[in-house]
Every structure is written in C-alpha cells, then in structure tokens.
Amino acid sequence: MIFSVSALVLFAIILIILIRNKSMKLGHAILGALFGFFLAQSSAATPIQHFLTELARTLNNLTS
C-alpha cells in the first residue's frame, strides 16, 4: 500500500494542530501512530533514518 505525499502532509498538519492546542487524546495518538507508519513506507523514510543516525552519532561523540 503506497500513500501519496499529500496524505502524509495532511496527517502532519492535523498532528501539528493537535499538539499546539495541547488536546491530544487516544484518537489523536492513533492518528500519530498512523502518520509514523505511513511515513515509514514513504520515500522520505531513508533520509529521515540517515539524519537520525547521524544525530545519534553526533550526540554520542559529544558525551564521550
């Protein structure tokens, strides 16, 4: 199942609004999990993974 970028953008916008309004509930948390699930299947997953890996390495080097 492939989701288009527009669906991911829609999920992201909804989550940003809910987080800014501090009104997260169970349904909103499920929406967040779905956003993460669909984002992991998109073409953006690889660059995000590389960024997080480099960030973890940088933080590890700072603390060592």
PDB file of N, CA and C in Angstrom:
ATOM      1  N   MET A   1       0.851  -1.167   0.000  1.00  0.00           N
ATOM      2  CA  MET A   1       0.000   0.000   0.000  1.00  0.00           C
ATOM      3  C   MET A   1       0.900   1.234   0.000  1.00  0.00           C
ATOM      4  N   ILE A   2       0.721   2.095  -0.959  1.00  0.00           N
ATOM      5  CA  ILE A   2       1.523   3.297  -1.073  1.00  0.00           C
ATOM      6  C   ILE A   2       0.621   4.510  -0.870  1.00  0.00           C
ATOM      7  N   PHE A   3       1.009   5.363   0.071  1.00  0.00           N
ATOM      8  CA  PHE A   3       0.265   6.596   0.300  1.00  0.00           C
ATOM      9  C   PHE A   3       0.988   7.733  -0.386  1.00  0.00           C
ATOM     10  N   SER A   4       0.238   8.642  -0.901  1.00  0.00           N
ATOM     11  CA  SER A   4       0.852   9.789  -1.560  1.00  0.00           C
ATOM     12  C   SER A   4       1.375  10.764  -0.515  1.00  0.00           C
ATOM     13  N   VAL A   5       2.217  11.647  -0.946  1.00  0.00           N
ATOM     14  CA  VAL A   5       2.785  12.644  -0.036  1.00  0.00           C
ATOM     15  C   VAL A   5       1.685  13.535   0.522  1.00  0.00           C
ATOM     16  N   SER A   6       0.646  13.774  -0.242  1.00  0.00           N
ATOM     17  CA  SER A   6      -0.416  14.658   0.237  1.00  0.00           C
ATOM     18  C   SER A   6      -1.115  14.080   1.460  1.00  0.00           C
ATOM     19  N   ALA A   7      -1.271  12.768   1.535  1.00  0.00           N
ATOM     20  CA  ALA A   7      -1.875  12.162   2.720  1.00  0.00           C
ATOM     21  C   ALA A   7      -0.962  12.345   3.923  1.00  0.00           C
ATOM     22  N   LEU A   8       0.338  12.210   3.712  1.00  0.00           N
ATOM     23  CA  LEU A   8       1.287  12.418   4.805  1.00  0.00           C
ATOM     24  C   LEU A   8       1.276  13.866   5.269  1.00  0.00           C
ATOM     25  N   VAL A   9       1.190  14.783   4.329  1.00  0.00           N
ATOM     26  CA  VAL A   9       1.144  16.202   4.691  1.00  0.00           C
ATOM     27  C   VAL A   9      -0.130  16.498   5.476  1.00  0.00           C
ATOM     28  N   LEU A  10      -1.231  15.915   5.079  1.00  0.00           N
ATOM     29  CA  LEU A  10      -2.495  16.108   5.798  1.00  0.00           C
ATOM     30  C   LEU A  10      -2.383  15.593   7.225  1.00  0.00           C
ATOM     31  N   PHE A  11      -1.845  14.377   7.398  1.00  0.00           N
ATOM     32  CA  PHE A  11      -1.655  13.842   8.740  1.00  0.00           C
ATOM     33  C   PHE A  11      -0.741  14.743   9.562  1.00  0.00           C
ATOM     34  N   ALA A  12       0.334  15.231   8.961  1.00  0.00           N
ATOM     35  CA  ALA A  12       1.279  16.091   9.674  1.00  0.00           C
ATOM     36  C   ALA A  12       0.610  17.384  10.127  1.00  0.00           C
ATOM     37  N   ILE A  13      -0.169  17.997   9.272  1.00  0.00           N
ATOM     38  CA  ILE A  13      -0.844  19.254   9.618  1.00  0.00           C
ATOM     39  C   ILE A  13      -1.821  19.035  10.767  1.00  0.00           C
ATOM     40  N   ILE A  14      -2.586  17.958  10.706  1.00  0.00           N
ATOM     41  CA  ILE A  14      -3.542  17.664  11.779  1.00  0.00           C
ATOM     42  C   ILE A  14      -2.810  17.440  13.093  1.00  0.00           C
ATOM     43  N   LEU A  15      -1.712  16.686  13.051  1.00  0.00           N
ATOM     44  CA  LEU A  15      -0.957  16.435  14.279  1.00  0.00           C
ATOM     45  C   LEU A  15      -0.351  17.707  14.852  1.00  0.00           C
ATOM     46  N   ILE A  16       0.173  18.560  13.994  1.00  0.00           N
ATOM     47  CA  ILE A  16       0.750  19.824  14.476  1.00  0.00           C
ATOM     48  C   ILE A  16      -0.318  20.666  15.168  1.00  0.00           C
ATOM     49  N   ILE A  17      -1.494  20.732  14.585  1.00  0.00           N
ATOM     50  CA  ILE A  17      -2.590  21.500  15.196  1.00  0.00           C
ATOM     51  C   ILE A  17      -2.966  20.914  16.549  1.00  0.00           C
ATOM     52  N   LEU A  18      -3.081  19.583  16.634  1.00  0.00           N
ATOM     53  CA  LEU A  18      -3.467  18.959  17.897  1.00  0.00           C
ATOM     54  C   LEU A  18      -2.406  19.135  18.969  1.00  0.00           C
ATOM     55  N   ILE A  19      -1.147  19.039  18.584  1.00  0.00           N
ATOM     56  CA  ILE A  19      -0.073  19.208  19.567  1.00  0.00           C
ATOM     57  C   ILE A  19      -0.013  20.652  20.049  1.00  0.00           C
ATOM     58  N   ARG A  20      -0.172  21.596  19.139  1.00  0.00           N
ATOM     59  CA  ARG A  20      -0.121  23.011  19.538  1.00  0.00           C
ATOM     60  C   ARG A  20      -1.290  23.386  20.444  1.00  0.00           C
ATOM     61  N   ASN A  21      -2.453  22.747  20.229  1.00  0.00           N
ATOM     62  CA  ASN A  21      -3.623  23.035  21.072  1.00  0.00           C
ATOM     63  C   ASN A  21      -3.607  22.238  22.370  1.00  0.00           C
ATOM     64  N   LYS A  22      -2.619  21.376  22.540  1.00  0.00           N
ATOM     65  CA  LYS A  22      -2.489  20.532  23.733  1.00  0.00           C
ATOM     66  C   LYS A  22      -3.771  19.754  23.999  1.00  0.00           C
ATOM     67  N   SER A  23      -4.326  19.191  22.949  1.00  0.00           N
ATOM     68  CA  SER A  23      -5.574  18.440  23.102  1.00  0.00           C
ATOM     69  C   SER A  23      -5.431  17.005  22.576  1.00  0.00           C
ATOM     70  N   MET A  24      -4.287  16.386  22.884  1.00  0.00           N
ATOM     71  CA  MET A  24      -4.060  15.019  22.430  1.00  0.00           C
ATOM     72  C   MET A  24      -4.906  14.046  23.252  1.00  0.00           C
ATOM     73  N   LYS A  25      -5.645  13.198  22.570  1.00  0.00           N
ATOM     74  CA  LYS A  25      -6.457  12.165  23.195  1.00  0.00           C
ATOM     75  C   LYS A  25      -6.097  10.839  22.529  1.00  0.00           C
ATOM     76  N   LEU A  26      -6.774   9.769  22.893  1.00  0.00           N
ATOM     77  CA  LEU A  26      -6.453   8.452  22.350  1.00  0.00           C
ATOM     78  C   LEU A  26      -6.573   8.424  20.836  1.00  0.00           C
ATOM     79  N   GLY A  27      -7.619   8.994  20.294  1.00  0.00           N
ATOM     80  CA  GLY A  27      -7.796   9.025  18.840  1.00  0.00           C
ATOM     81  C   GLY A  27      -6.687   9.792  18.149  1.00  0.00           C
ATOM     82  N   HIS A  28      -6.233  10.850  18.780  1.00  0.00           N
ATOM     83  CA  HIS A  28      -5.155  11.645  18.211  1.00  0.00           C
ATOM     84  C   HIS A  28      -3.833  10.878  18.259  1.00  0.00           C
ATOM     85  N   ALA A  29      -3.629  10.130  19.330  1.00  0.00           N
ATOM     86  CA  ALA A  29      -2.419   9.317  19.432  1.00  0.00           C
ATOM     87  C   ALA A  29      -2.421   8.229  18.357  1.00  0.00           C
ATOM     88  N   ILE A  30      -3.568   7.674  18.074  1.00  0.00           N
ATOM     89  CA  ILE A  30      -3.676   6.675  16.997  1.00  0.00           C
ATOM     90  C   ILE A  30      -3.360   7.325  15.661  1.00  0.00           C
ATOM     91  N   LEU A  31      -3.846   8.536  15.453  1.00  0.00           N
ATOM     92  CA  LEU A  31      -3.532   9.275  14.234  1.00  0.00           C
ATOM     93  C   LEU A  31      -2.026   9.488  14.109  1.00  0.00           C
ATOM     94  N   GLY A  32      -1.379   9.804  15.220  1.00  0.00           N
ATOM     95  CA  GLY A  32       0.075   9.974  15.215  1.00  0.00           C
ATOM     96  C   GLY A  32       0.794   8.688  14.864  1.00  0.00           C
ATOM     97  N   ALA A  33       0.317   7.582  15.388  1.00  0.00           N
ATOM     98  CA  ALA A  33       0.921   6.289  15.063  1.00  0.00           C
ATOM     99  C   ALA A  33       0.725   5.960  13.587  1.00  0.00           C
ATOM    100  N   LEU A  34      -0.441   6.244  13.055  1.00  0.00           N
ATOM    101  CA  LEU A  34      -0.690   6.016  11.624  1.00  0.00           C
ATOM    102  C   LEU A  34       0.209   6.893  10.766  1.00  0.00           C
ATOM    103  N   PHE A  35       0.414   8.140  11.192  1.00  0.00           N
ATOM    104  CA  PHE A  35       1.302   9.028  10.462  1.00  0.00           C
ATOM    105  C   PHE A  35       2.705   8.442  10.410  1.00  0.00           C
ATOM    106  N   GLY A  36       3.198   7.971  11.546  1.00  0.00           N
ATOM    107  CA  GLY A  36       4.518   7.358  11.577  1.00  0.00           C
ATOM    108  C   GLY A  36       4.593   6.112  10.717  1.00  0.00           C
ATOM    109  N   PHE A  37       3.546   5.306  10.741  1.00  0.00           N
ATOM    110  CA  PHE A  37       3.502   4.089   9.939  1.00  0.00           C
ATOM    111  C   PHE A  37       3.550   4.410   8.448  1.00  0.00           C
ATOM    112  N   PHE A  38       2.752   5.359   8.016  1.00  0.00           N
ATOM    113  CA  PHE A  38       2.733   5.713   6.599  1.00  0.00           C
ATOM    114  C   PHE A  38       4.002   6.437   6.178  1.00  0.00           C
ATOM    115  N   LEU A  39       4.571   7.234   7.070  1.00  0.00           N
ATOM    116  CA  LEU A  39       5.820   7.923   6.776  1.00  0.00           C
ATOM    117  C   LEU A  39       6.945   6.917   6.583  1.00  0.00           C
ATOM    118  N   ALA A  40       6.930   5.847   7.354  1.00  0.00           N
ATOM    119  CA  ALA A  40       7.967   4.820   7.233  1.00  0.00           C
ATOM    120  C   ALA A  40       7.898   4.110   5.889  1.00  0.00           C
ATOM    121  N   GLN A  41       6.744   4.104   5.260  1.00  0.00           N
ATOM    122  CA  GLN A  41       6.589   3.451   3.967  1.00  0.00           C
ATOM    123  C   GLN A  41       6.838   4.403   2.800  1.00  0.00           C
ATOM    124  N   SER A  42       7.055   5.666   3.081  1.00  0.00           N
ATOM    125  CA  SER A  42       7.231   6.635   2.006  1.00  0.00           C
ATOM    126  C   SER A  42       8.695   6.729   1.603  1.00  0.00           C
ATOM    127  N   SER A  43       8.944   7.494   0.570  1.00  0.00           N
ATOM    128  CA  SER A  43      10.317   7.693   0.110  1.00  0.00           C
ATOM    129  C   SER A  43      11.106   8.594   1.053  1.00  0.00           C
ATOM    130  N   ALA A  44      10.455   9.226   1.997  1.00  0.00           N
ATOM    131  CA  ALA A  44      11.139  10.085   2.964  1.00  0.00           C
ATOM    132  C   ALA A  44      11.761   9.290   4.102  1.00  0.00           C
ATOM    133  N   ALA A  45      11.460   8.009   4.202  1.00  0.00           N
ATOM    134  CA  ALA A  45      11.937   7.204   5.327  1.00  0.00           C
ATOM    135  C   ALA A  45      13.460   7.088   5.351  1.00  0.00           C
ATOM    136  N   THR A  46      14.089   6.873   4.209  1.00  0.00           N
ATOM    137  CA  THR A  46      15.543   6.692   4.172  1.00  0.00           C
ATOM    138  C   THR A  46      16.296   7.954   4.593  1.00  0.00           C
ATOM    139  N   PRO A  47      15.976   9.123   4.049  1.00  0.00           N
ATOM    140  CA  PRO A  47      16.688  10.324   4.514  1.00  0.00           C
ATOM    141  C   PRO A  47      16.457  10.628   5.992  1.00  0.00           C
ATOM    142  N   ILE A  48      15.265  10.373   6.495  1.00  0.00           N
ATOM    143  CA  ILE A  48      14.984  10.598   7.905  1.00  0.00           C
ATOM    144  C   ILE A  48      15.822   9.656   8.758  1.00  0.00           C
ATOM    145  N   GLN A  49      15.922   8.397   8.335  1.00  0.00           N
ATOM    146  CA  GLN A  49      16.720   7.419   9.077  1.00  0.00           C
ATOM    147  C   GLN A  49      18.193   7.816   9.096  1.00  0.00           C
ATOM    148  N   HIS A  50      18.710   8.268   7.953  1.00  0.00           N
ATOM    149  CA  HIS A  50      20.109   8.708   7.890  1.00  0.00           C
ATOM    150  C   HIS A  50      20.338   9.919   8.803  1.00  0.00           C
ATOM    151  N   PHE A  51      19.412  10.857   8.799  1.00  0.00           N
ATOM    152  CA  PHE A  51      19.535  12.042   9.651  1.00  0.00           C
ATOM    153  C   PHE A  51      19.551  11.661  11.127  1.00  0.00           C
ATOM    154  N   LEU A  52      18.627  10.778  11.528  1.00  0.00           N
ATOM    155  CA  LEU A  52      18.565  10.377  12.931  1.00  0.00           C
ATOM    156  C   LEU A  52      19.801   9.588  13.349  1.00  0.00           C
ATOM    157  N   THR A  53      20.339   8.774  12.455  1.00  0.00           N
ATOM    158  CA  THR A  53      21.562   8.030  12.747  1.00  0.00           C
ATOM    159  C   THR A  53      22.733   8.974  12.964  1.00  0.00           C
ATOM    160  N   GLU A  54      22.870   9.959  12.080  1.00  0.00           N
ATOM    161  CA  GLU A  54      23.963  10.929  12.230  1.00  0.00           C
ATOM    162  C   GLU A  54      23.791  11.792  13.478  1.00  0.00           C
ATOM    163  N   LEU A  55      22.559  12.140  13.797  1.00  0.00           N
ATOM    164  CA  LEU A  55      22.285  12.908  15.007  1.00  0.00           C
ATOM    165  C   LEU A  55      22.676  12.103  16.246  1.00  0.00           C
ATOM    166  N   ALA A  56      22.337  10.821  16.268  1.00  0.00           N
ATOM    167  CA  ALA A  56      22.696   9.960  17.405  1.00  0.00           C
ATOM    168  C   ALA A  56      24.219   9.825  17.517  1.00  0.00           C
ATOM    169  N   ARG A  57      24.898   9.694  16.378  1.00  0.00           N
ATOM    170  CA  ARG A  57      26.368   9.604  16.405  1.00  0.00           C
ATOM    171  C   ARG A  57      26.974  10.895  16.937  1.00  0.00           C
ATOM    172  N   THR A  58      26.446  12.019  16.510  1.00  0.00           N
ATOM    173  CA  THR A  58      26.959  13.317  16.956  1.00  0.00           C
ATOM    174  C   THR A  58      26.760  13.482  18.456  1.00  0.00           C
ATOM    175  N   LEU A  59      25.583  13.159  18.945  1.00  0.00           N
ATOM    176  CA  LEU A  59      25.312  13.268  20.377  1.00  0.00           C
ATOM    177  C   LEU A  59      26.180  12.304  21.180  1.00  0.00           C
ATOM    178  N   ASN A  60      26.399  11.124  20.644  1.00  0.00           N
ATOM    179  CA  ASN A  60      27.257  10.152  21.314  1.00  0.00           C
ATOM    180  C   ASN A  60      28.691  10.659  21.388  1.00  0.00           C
ATOM    181  N   ASN A  61      29.173  11.287  20.315  1.00  0.00           N
ATOM    182  CA  ASN A  61      30.524  11.837  20.323  1.00  0.00           C
ATOM    183  C   ASN A  61      30.672  13.012  21.275  1.00  0.00           C
ATOM    184  N   LEU A  62      29.605  13.779  21.465  1.00  0.00           N
ATOM    185  CA  LEU A  62      29.643  14.902  22.384  1.00  0.00           C
ATOM    186  C   LEU A  62      29.719  14.443  23.837  1.00  0.00           C
ATOM    187  N   THR A  63      29.063  13.344  24.130  1.00  0.00           N
ATOM    188  CA  THR A  63      29.018  12.859  25.513  1.00  0.00           C
ATOM    189  C   THR A  63      30.203  11.961  25.851  1.00  0.00           C
ATOM    190  N   SER A  64      30.948  11.517  24.854  1.00  0.00           N
ATOM    191  CA  SER A  64      32.082  10.615  25.109  1.00  0.00           C
ATOM    192  C   SER A  64      33.354  11.375  25.403  1.00  0.00           C
TER     193      SER A  64
END
